[in-house]
Amino acid sequence: MNKNVIISVKGNQHDENDEINSIEMVTQGKYYKKGNYYYVTYKETEITGLENTTTTLKIGEGKVVLMRFGQNSSHMVFEKGQRHLCYYETAYGAFTIGIFSNEVDIRIDDSGGDILVDYIFQIDGVEAGANDFYVQIREVNNGNDQPYGDCKRAN
């Protein structure tokens, strides 16, 4: 299985004043299965501030691993109720962050599907923000124009 897909991503960053900074992106990518995991790969664009970077999501067993390669590299693990130390690189330097996932809702199969992740990130053990992202994966030209699937946004 190796499919061309349309990937819709919506991300929200919540700051200490409870203001929300949102970003939405729709792009093309690849969707495939290797062993027990599904993979989604796409190129970042200027709108995300991560141009010249390729993002791969490894999805399975209640876990989403986000890997970025290129100008902005990172490796982040999202698993409900678990804290993971993760590598994060920016234009200003690389550092380690802690990620605690409140929600990881995965509803995918061989045709695509939906992923919702709600998490808190920490720098030096201090909470630095609360974020969430929603990813919808659908086959190119499959007629599914529904903008959001079955995953429910966490409050």
N, C-alpha and C. Protein backbone atom coordinates (compact mmCIF):
# COMPACT_ATOMS: atom_id res chain seq x y z
N MET A 1 0.84 -1.18 0.00
CA MET A 1 0.00 0.00 0.00
C MET A 1 0.89 1.25 0.00
N ASN A 2 0.74 2.07 -1.00
CA ASN A 2 1.42 3.37 -1.09
C ASN A 2 0.50 4.29 -1.86
N LYS A 3 -0.15 5.22 -1.15
CA LYS A 3 -1.20 6.03 -1.77
C LYS A 3 -0.84 7.50 -1.76
N ASN A 4 -1.31 8.19 -2.81
CA ASN A 4 -1.28 9.64 -2.83
C ASN A 4 -2.48 10.12 -2.04
N VAL A 5 -2.25 11.05 -1.11
CA VAL A 5 -3.32 11.52 -0.24
C VAL A 5 -3.33 13.04 -0.13
N ILE A 6 -4.47 13.55 0.28
CA ILE A 6 -4.62 14.94 0.67
C ILE A 6 -4.58 14.95 2.19
N ILE A 7 -3.74 15.80 2.75
CA ILE A 7 -3.55 15.88 4.19
C ILE A 7 -3.99 17.26 4.66
N SER A 8 -4.94 17.29 5.57
CA SER A 8 -5.40 18.55 6.18
C SER A 8 -4.87 18.58 7.60
N VAL A 9 -4.20 19.66 7.95
CA VAL A 9 -3.64 19.80 9.30
C VAL A 9 -4.15 21.10 9.89
N LYS A 10 -4.67 21.02 11.12
CA LYS A 10 -5.05 22.22 11.86
C LYS A 10 -4.38 22.13 13.22
N GLY A 11 -3.63 23.16 13.56
CA GLY A 11 -2.95 23.19 14.84
C GLY A 11 -3.31 24.42 15.63
N ASN A 12 -3.37 24.28 16.94
CA ASN A 12 -3.68 25.38 17.85
C ASN A 12 -2.63 25.45 18.94
N GLN A 13 -2.15 26.66 19.20
CA GLN A 13 -1.24 26.92 20.32
C GLN A 13 -1.98 27.82 21.30
N HIS A 14 -2.03 27.39 22.56
CA HIS A 14 -2.70 28.14 23.61
C HIS A 14 -1.62 28.78 24.48
N ASP A 15 -1.65 30.10 24.63
CA ASP A 15 -0.64 30.75 25.46
C ASP A 15 -1.13 30.93 26.89
N GLU A 16 -0.28 31.54 27.73
CA GLU A 16 -0.61 31.69 29.15
C GLU A 16 -1.82 32.59 29.40
N ASN A 17 -2.20 33.43 28.42
CA ASN A 17 -3.38 34.29 28.54
C ASN A 17 -4.61 33.64 27.92
N ASP A 18 -4.50 32.36 27.60
CA ASP A 18 -5.56 31.57 26.97
C ASP A 18 -5.95 32.09 25.59
N GLU A 19 -5.02 32.81 24.95
CA GLU A 19 -5.21 33.21 23.56
C GLU A 19 -4.76 32.06 22.67
N ILE A 20 -5.44 31.90 21.54
CA ILE A 20 -5.16 30.77 20.67
C ILE A 20 -4.58 31.27 19.35
N ASN A 21 -3.46 30.69 18.96
CA ASN A 21 -2.86 30.96 17.67
C ASN A 21 -3.08 29.69 16.83
N SER A 22 -3.82 29.83 15.73
CA SER A 22 -4.17 28.66 14.91
C SER A 22 -3.50 28.73 13.55
N ILE A 23 -3.25 27.57 13.00
CA ILE A 23 -2.72 27.46 11.65
C ILE A 23 -3.40 26.28 10.97
N GLU A 24 -3.74 26.45 9.71
CA GLU A 24 -4.36 25.37 8.93
C GLU A 24 -3.60 25.23 7.63
N MET A 25 -3.46 24.00 7.19
CA MET A 25 -2.74 23.71 5.96
C MET A 25 -3.37 22.50 5.28
N VAL A 26 -3.45 22.55 3.97
CA VAL A 26 -3.87 21.39 3.18
C VAL A 26 -2.76 21.15 2.16
N THR A 27 -2.30 19.92 2.07
CA THR A 27 -1.20 19.59 1.17
C THR A 27 -1.34 18.17 0.65
N GLN A 28 -0.54 17.82 -0.31
CA GLN A 28 -0.50 16.45 -0.82
C GLN A 28 0.66 15.72 -0.17
N GLY A 29 0.50 14.41 -0.07
CA GLY A 29 1.57 13.61 0.50
C GLY A 29 1.39 12.15 0.17
N LYS A 30 2.14 11.32 0.86
CA LYS A 30 2.11 9.87 0.69
C LYS A 30 1.61 9.22 1.97
N TYR A 31 0.90 8.11 1.81
CA TYR A 31 0.36 7.35 2.94
C TYR A 31 0.66 5.89 2.67
N TYR A 32 1.30 5.23 3.63
CA TYR A 32 1.65 3.84 3.42
C TYR A 32 1.71 3.11 4.76
N LYS A 33 1.76 1.79 4.67
CA LYS A 33 1.81 0.95 5.86
C LYS A 33 3.07 0.09 5.79
N LYS A 34 3.76 0.03 6.94
CA LYS A 34 4.95 -0.80 7.09
C LYS A 34 4.81 -1.53 8.42
N GLY A 35 4.71 -2.85 8.38
CA GLY A 35 4.50 -3.60 9.61
C GLY A 35 3.18 -3.22 10.25
N ASN A 36 3.20 -2.88 11.52
CA ASN A 36 1.99 -2.50 12.25
C ASN A 36 1.74 -0.99 12.27
N TYR A 37 2.51 -0.23 11.51
CA TYR A 37 2.41 1.23 11.55
C TYR A 37 1.99 1.81 10.21
N TYR A 38 1.21 2.88 10.29
CA TYR A 38 0.89 3.69 9.12
C TYR A 38 1.83 4.89 9.13
N TYR A 39 2.18 5.34 7.95
CA TYR A 39 3.06 6.50 7.79
C TYR A 39 2.41 7.51 6.86
N VAL A 40 2.54 8.79 7.22
CA VAL A 40 2.11 9.90 6.38
C VAL A 40 3.32 10.79 6.22
N THR A 41 3.64 11.13 4.97
CA THR A 41 4.79 11.98 4.69
C THR A 41 4.38 13.13 3.79
N TYR A 42 4.83 14.33 4.14
CA TYR A 42 4.53 15.51 3.31
C TYR A 42 5.61 16.56 3.51
N LYS A 43 5.70 17.46 2.54
CA LYS A 43 6.65 18.56 2.61
C LYS A 43 5.97 19.77 3.25
N GLU A 44 6.66 20.38 4.20
CA GLU A 44 6.16 21.58 4.85
C GLU A 44 6.25 22.75 3.87
N THR A 45 5.47 23.77 4.13
CA THR A 45 5.44 24.94 3.25
C THR A 45 5.81 26.20 4.02
N GLU A 46 5.91 27.28 3.32
CA GLU A 46 6.24 28.56 3.93
C GLU A 46 5.21 28.97 4.97
N ILE A 47 3.95 28.59 4.78
CA ILE A 47 2.89 28.97 5.71
C ILE A 47 3.15 28.44 7.13
N THR A 48 3.82 27.30 7.24
CA THR A 48 4.11 26.75 8.56
C THR A 48 5.43 27.28 9.12
N GLY A 49 6.19 27.97 8.29
CA GLY A 49 7.50 28.46 8.71
C GLY A 49 8.55 27.36 8.71
N LEU A 50 8.22 26.23 8.11
CA LEU A 50 9.13 25.08 8.11
C LEU A 50 9.52 24.66 6.69
N GLU A 51 9.59 25.63 5.77
CA GLU A 51 9.94 25.27 4.40
C GLU A 51 11.27 24.53 4.38
N ASN A 52 11.48 23.73 3.34
CA ASN A 52 12.67 22.87 3.20
C ASN A 52 12.74 21.80 4.28
N THR A 53 11.56 21.39 4.76
CA THR A 53 11.47 20.36 5.79
C THR A 53 10.42 19.33 5.36
N THR A 54 10.72 18.06 5.57
CA THR A 54 9.76 16.99 5.31
C THR A 54 9.28 16.44 6.64
N THR A 55 7.97 16.31 6.78
CA THR A 55 7.38 15.77 8.00
C THR A 55 6.85 14.37 7.74
N THR A 56 7.14 13.46 8.66
CA THR A 56 6.61 12.10 8.61
C THR A 56 5.94 11.80 9.94
N LEU A 57 4.71 11.30 9.87
CA LEU A 57 4.00 10.82 11.04
C LEU A 57 4.01 9.31 11.02
N LYS A 58 4.45 8.70 12.10
CA LYS A 58 4.41 7.25 12.27
C LYS A 58 3.28 6.99 13.27
N ILE A 59 2.26 6.24 12.83
CA ILE A 59 1.03 6.13 13.60
C ILE A 59 0.73 4.67 13.91
N GLY A 60 0.46 4.37 15.17
CA GLY A 60 0.05 3.02 15.53
C GLY A 60 0.17 2.76 17.01
N GLU A 61 -0.56 1.75 17.48
CA GLU A 61 -0.50 1.31 18.87
C GLU A 61 -0.71 2.44 19.86
N GLY A 62 -1.66 3.35 19.57
CA GLY A 62 -1.97 4.44 20.48
C GLY A 62 -0.92 5.52 20.56
N LYS A 63 -0.05 5.57 19.56
CA LYS A 63 1.07 6.49 19.59
C LYS A 63 1.24 7.16 18.23
N VAL A 64 1.59 8.45 18.26
CA VAL A 64 1.94 9.19 17.05
C VAL A 64 3.35 9.73 17.25
N VAL A 65 4.23 9.41 16.32
CA VAL A 65 5.59 9.94 16.34
C VAL A 65 5.72 10.91 15.19
N LEU A 66 6.07 12.16 15.49
CA LEU A 66 6.25 13.18 14.48
C LEU A 66 7.74 13.38 14.27
N MET A 67 8.18 13.15 13.03
CA MET A 67 9.60 13.29 12.69
C MET A 67 9.72 14.32 11.58
N ARG A 68 10.60 15.28 11.78
CA ARG A 68 10.87 16.28 10.75
C ARG A 68 12.33 16.19 10.36
N PHE A 69 12.56 16.26 9.04
CA PHE A 69 13.90 16.17 8.50
C PHE A 69 14.13 17.35 7.56
N GLY A 70 15.32 17.91 7.61
CA GLY A 70 15.65 19.02 6.71
C GLY A 70 16.11 20.22 7.50
N GLN A 71 15.67 21.39 7.07
CA GLN A 71 16.09 22.64 7.69
C GLN A 71 15.69 22.71 9.17
N ASN A 72 14.54 22.14 9.51
CA ASN A 72 14.05 22.10 10.89
C ASN A 72 13.80 20.65 11.27
N SER A 73 14.72 20.05 12.00
CA SER A 73 14.58 18.65 12.38
C SER A 73 14.01 18.52 13.79
N SER A 74 13.21 17.48 13.99
CA SER A 74 12.68 17.20 15.32
C SER A 74 12.18 15.77 15.37
N HIS A 75 11.98 15.32 16.58
CA HIS A 75 11.46 13.97 16.83
C HIS A 75 10.60 14.07 18.08
N MET A 76 9.26 13.99 17.91
CA MET A 76 8.35 14.15 19.03
C MET A 76 7.43 12.93 19.12
N VAL A 77 7.19 12.47 20.34
CA VAL A 77 6.36 11.29 20.58
C VAL A 77 5.13 11.71 21.38
N PHE A 78 3.96 11.31 20.88
CA PHE A 78 2.69 11.62 21.53
C PHE A 78 2.00 10.31 21.88
N GLU A 79 1.79 10.09 23.18
CA GLU A 79 1.16 8.87 23.67
C GLU A 79 0.33 9.26 24.89
N LYS A 80 -0.96 9.01 24.84
CA LYS A 80 -1.88 9.47 25.89
C LYS A 80 -1.41 9.07 27.28
N GLY A 81 -1.38 10.08 28.18
CA GLY A 81 -1.02 9.84 29.56
C GLY A 81 0.46 9.64 29.81
N GLN A 82 1.29 9.80 28.78
CA GLN A 82 2.72 9.57 28.91
C GLN A 82 3.50 10.86 28.67
N ARG A 83 4.62 10.99 29.35
CA ARG A 83 5.54 12.11 29.12
C ARG A 83 6.77 11.57 28.39
N HIS A 84 7.14 12.26 27.33
CA HIS A 84 8.31 11.87 26.56
C HIS A 84 9.24 13.07 26.41
N LEU A 85 10.55 12.83 26.53
CA LEU A 85 11.54 13.85 26.23
C LEU A 85 11.82 13.78 24.74
N CYS A 86 11.76 14.91 24.07
CA CYS A 86 11.84 14.93 22.61
C CYS A 86 12.83 15.98 22.13
N TYR A 87 13.36 15.73 20.95
CA TYR A 87 14.33 16.62 20.31
C TYR A 87 13.60 17.61 19.42
N TYR A 88 13.96 18.89 19.53
CA TYR A 88 13.29 19.93 18.74
C TYR A 88 14.34 20.93 18.27
N GLU A 89 14.35 21.18 16.97
CA GLU A 89 15.33 22.08 16.38
C GLU A 89 14.63 23.28 15.76
N THR A 90 15.16 24.46 16.01
CA THR A 90 14.63 25.68 15.41
C THR A 90 15.78 26.43 14.72
N ALA A 91 15.45 27.52 14.08
CA ALA A 91 16.48 28.36 13.45
C ALA A 91 17.42 28.95 14.49
N TYR A 92 16.97 28.98 15.76
CA TYR A 92 17.75 29.57 16.84
C TYR A 92 18.56 28.55 17.63
N GLY A 93 18.41 27.28 17.30
CA GLY A 93 19.15 26.24 17.99
C GLY A 93 18.28 25.04 18.33
N ALA A 94 18.91 23.98 18.81
CA ALA A 94 18.21 22.74 19.14
C ALA A 94 18.13 22.60 20.66
N PHE A 95 17.06 21.95 21.13
CA PHE A 95 16.91 21.71 22.55
C PHE A 95 15.99 20.52 22.77
N THR A 96 15.90 20.10 24.02
CA THR A 96 15.04 18.99 24.40
C THR A 96 13.81 19.56 25.10
N ILE A 97 12.64 19.04 24.72
CA ILE A 97 11.40 19.46 25.36
C ILE A 97 10.70 18.22 25.92
N GLY A 98 9.90 18.45 26.94
CA GLY A 98 9.05 17.39 27.47
C GLY A 98 7.66 17.54 26.88
N ILE A 99 7.07 16.42 26.48
CA ILE A 99 5.72 16.43 25.93
C ILE A 99 4.86 15.48 26.74
N PHE A 100 3.76 16.01 27.28
CA PHE A 100 2.78 15.18 27.97
C PHE A 100 1.49 15.23 27.17
N SER A 101 1.04 14.09 26.68
CA SER A 101 -0.16 14.03 25.84
C SER A 101 -1.39 13.75 26.68
N ASN A 102 -2.35 14.69 26.62
CA ASN A 102 -3.63 14.51 27.30
C ASN A 102 -4.55 13.61 26.50
N GLU A 103 -4.47 13.72 25.18
CA GLU A 103 -5.35 12.95 24.30
C GLU A 103 -4.60 12.58 23.03
N VAL A 104 -4.76 11.33 22.62
CA VAL A 104 -4.26 10.85 21.34
C VAL A 104 -5.36 9.97 20.78
N ASP A 105 -6.14 10.53 19.85
CA ASP A 105 -7.29 9.85 19.26
C ASP A 105 -6.94 9.50 17.82
N ILE A 106 -6.78 8.21 17.54
CA ILE A 106 -6.36 7.74 16.22
C ILE A 106 -7.49 6.92 15.62
N ARG A 107 -7.96 7.33 14.45
CA ARG A 107 -9.03 6.61 13.75
C ARG A 107 -8.63 6.51 12.28
N ILE A 108 -7.75 5.57 12.00
CA ILE A 108 -7.28 5.40 10.63
C ILE A 108 -7.35 3.94 10.22
N ASP A 109 -7.37 3.75 8.91
CA ASP A 109 -7.30 2.41 8.33
C ASP A 109 -6.57 2.55 6.98
N ASP A 110 -6.65 1.54 6.14
CA ASP A 110 -5.93 1.56 4.88
C ASP A 110 -6.38 2.66 3.93
N SER A 111 -7.55 3.25 4.16
CA SER A 111 -8.07 4.32 3.31
C SER A 111 -7.69 5.72 3.80
N GLY A 112 -7.20 5.83 5.02
CA GLY A 112 -6.89 7.14 5.61
C GLY A 112 -7.61 7.28 6.92
N GLY A 113 -7.95 8.51 7.30
CA GLY A 113 -8.68 8.72 8.53
C GLY A 113 -8.30 9.99 9.24
N ASP A 114 -8.43 9.99 10.57
CA ASP A 114 -8.27 11.18 11.39
C ASP A 114 -7.38 10.91 12.60
N ILE A 115 -6.64 11.95 13.00
CA ILE A 115 -5.81 11.89 14.19
C ILE A 115 -6.00 13.20 14.95
N LEU A 116 -6.22 13.10 16.25
CA LEU A 116 -6.30 14.28 17.10
C LEU A 116 -5.34 14.08 18.27
N VAL A 117 -4.49 15.07 18.48
CA VAL A 117 -3.52 15.02 19.58
C VAL A 117 -3.62 16.33 20.37
N ASP A 118 -3.75 16.21 21.68
CA ASP A 118 -3.80 17.35 22.59
C ASP A 118 -2.67 17.15 23.59
N TYR A 119 -1.78 18.15 23.71
CA TYR A 119 -0.60 17.93 24.55
C TYR A 119 -0.11 19.22 25.20
N ILE A 120 0.69 19.04 26.23
CA ILE A 120 1.37 20.13 26.94
C ILE A 120 2.86 19.92 26.70
N PHE A 121 3.56 21.02 26.42
CA PHE A 121 5.01 20.87 26.29
C PHE A 121 5.71 21.67 27.38
N GLN A 122 6.87 21.15 27.77
CA GLN A 122 7.65 21.74 28.85
C GLN A 122 9.07 22.00 28.38
N ILE A 123 9.62 23.09 28.88
CA ILE A 123 11.03 23.40 28.64
C ILE A 123 11.67 23.49 30.02
N ASP A 124 12.72 22.72 30.22
CA ASP A 124 13.39 22.65 31.53
C ASP A 124 12.41 22.31 32.65
N GLY A 125 11.45 21.44 32.37
CA GLY A 125 10.50 20.97 33.37
C GLY A 125 9.39 21.94 33.71
N VAL A 126 9.34 23.10 33.01
CA VAL A 126 8.31 24.10 33.27
C VAL A 126 7.35 24.14 32.08
N GLU A 127 6.04 24.12 32.39
CA GLU A 127 5.06 24.14 31.32
C GLU A 127 5.24 25.39 30.47
N ALA A 128 5.34 25.20 29.15
CA ALA A 128 5.59 26.31 28.24
C ALA A 128 4.41 26.54 27.29
N GLY A 129 3.44 25.66 27.30
CA GLY A 129 2.29 25.85 26.43
C GLY A 129 1.46 24.60 26.29
N ALA A 130 0.23 24.80 25.84
CA ALA A 130 -0.68 23.70 25.55
C ALA A 130 -1.06 23.80 24.08
N ASN A 131 -0.94 22.70 23.38
CA ASN A 131 -1.20 22.68 21.95
C ASN A 131 -2.09 21.50 21.59
N ASP A 132 -2.69 21.59 20.42
CA ASP A 132 -3.37 20.43 19.86
C ASP A 132 -3.25 20.51 18.35
N PHE A 133 -3.34 19.36 17.73
CA PHE A 133 -3.38 19.33 16.27
C PHE A 133 -4.30 18.22 15.80
N TYR A 134 -4.91 18.48 14.66
CA TYR A 134 -5.84 17.55 14.04
C TYR A 134 -5.34 17.30 12.62
N VAL A 135 -5.25 16.04 12.24
CA VAL A 135 -4.80 15.66 10.90
C VAL A 135 -5.87 14.79 10.26
N GLN A 136 -6.26 15.14 9.05
CA GLN A 136 -7.17 14.30 8.28
C GLN A 136 -6.41 13.82 7.05
N ILE A 137 -6.48 12.52 6.79
CA ILE A 137 -5.81 11.90 5.65
C ILE A 137 -6.89 11.29 4.76
N ARG A 138 -6.91 11.69 3.49
CA ARG A 138 -7.89 11.09 2.59
C ARG A 138 -7.25 10.87 1.23
N GLU A 139 -7.67 9.80 0.59
CA GLU A 139 -7.13 9.47 -0.72
C GLU A 139 -7.48 10.55 -1.72
N VAL A 140 -6.58 10.80 -2.64
CA VAL A 140 -6.83 11.76 -3.70
C VAL A 140 -7.98 11.24 -4.56
N ASN A 141 -8.97 12.10 -4.83
CA ASN A 141 -10.11 11.79 -5.69
C ASN A 141 -10.99 10.65 -5.18
N ASN A 142 -11.12 10.51 -3.84
CA ASN A 142 -12.01 9.46 -3.37
C ASN A 142 -13.42 9.98 -3.09
N GLY A 143 -13.65 11.31 -3.31
CA GLY A 143 -14.99 11.86 -3.16
C GLY A 143 -15.36 12.23 -1.74
N ASN A 144 -14.47 12.02 -0.78
CA ASN A 144 -14.78 12.38 0.61
C ASN A 144 -14.39 13.83 0.83
N ASP A 145 -15.38 14.71 0.80
CA ASP A 145 -15.12 16.14 0.97
C ASP A 145 -15.46 16.63 2.36
N GLN A 146 -15.75 15.73 3.27
CA GLN A 146 -16.09 16.12 4.64
C GLN A 146 -14.84 16.75 5.28
N PRO A 147 -14.93 18.00 5.78
CA PRO A 147 -13.75 18.68 6.27
C PRO A 147 -13.16 18.07 7.53
N TYR A 148 -13.94 17.51 8.41
CA TYR A 148 -13.43 16.89 9.62
C TYR A 148 -14.15 15.59 9.87
N GLY A 149 -13.41 14.63 10.38
CA GLY A 149 -13.95 13.29 10.54
C GLY A 149 -14.52 13.05 11.92
N ASP A 150 -14.29 11.85 12.44
CA ASP A 150 -14.93 11.40 13.67
C ASP A 150 -14.23 11.82 14.96
N CYS A 151 -12.97 12.23 14.88
CA CYS A 151 -12.27 12.61 16.10
C CYS A 151 -12.88 13.85 16.69
N LYS A 152 -12.97 13.90 17.99
CA LYS A 152 -13.55 15.05 18.69
C LYS A 152 -12.45 15.85 19.35
N ARG A 153 -12.51 17.16 19.22
CA ARG A 153 -11.50 18.04 19.82
C ARG A 153 -11.64 17.98 21.33
N ALA A 154 -10.51 17.85 22.00
CA ALA A 154 -10.49 17.81 23.47
C ALA A 154 -10.68 19.23 24.00
N ASN A 155 -11.32 19.35 25.14
CA ASN A 155 -11.52 20.67 25.76
C ASN A 155 -10.43 20.95 26.76
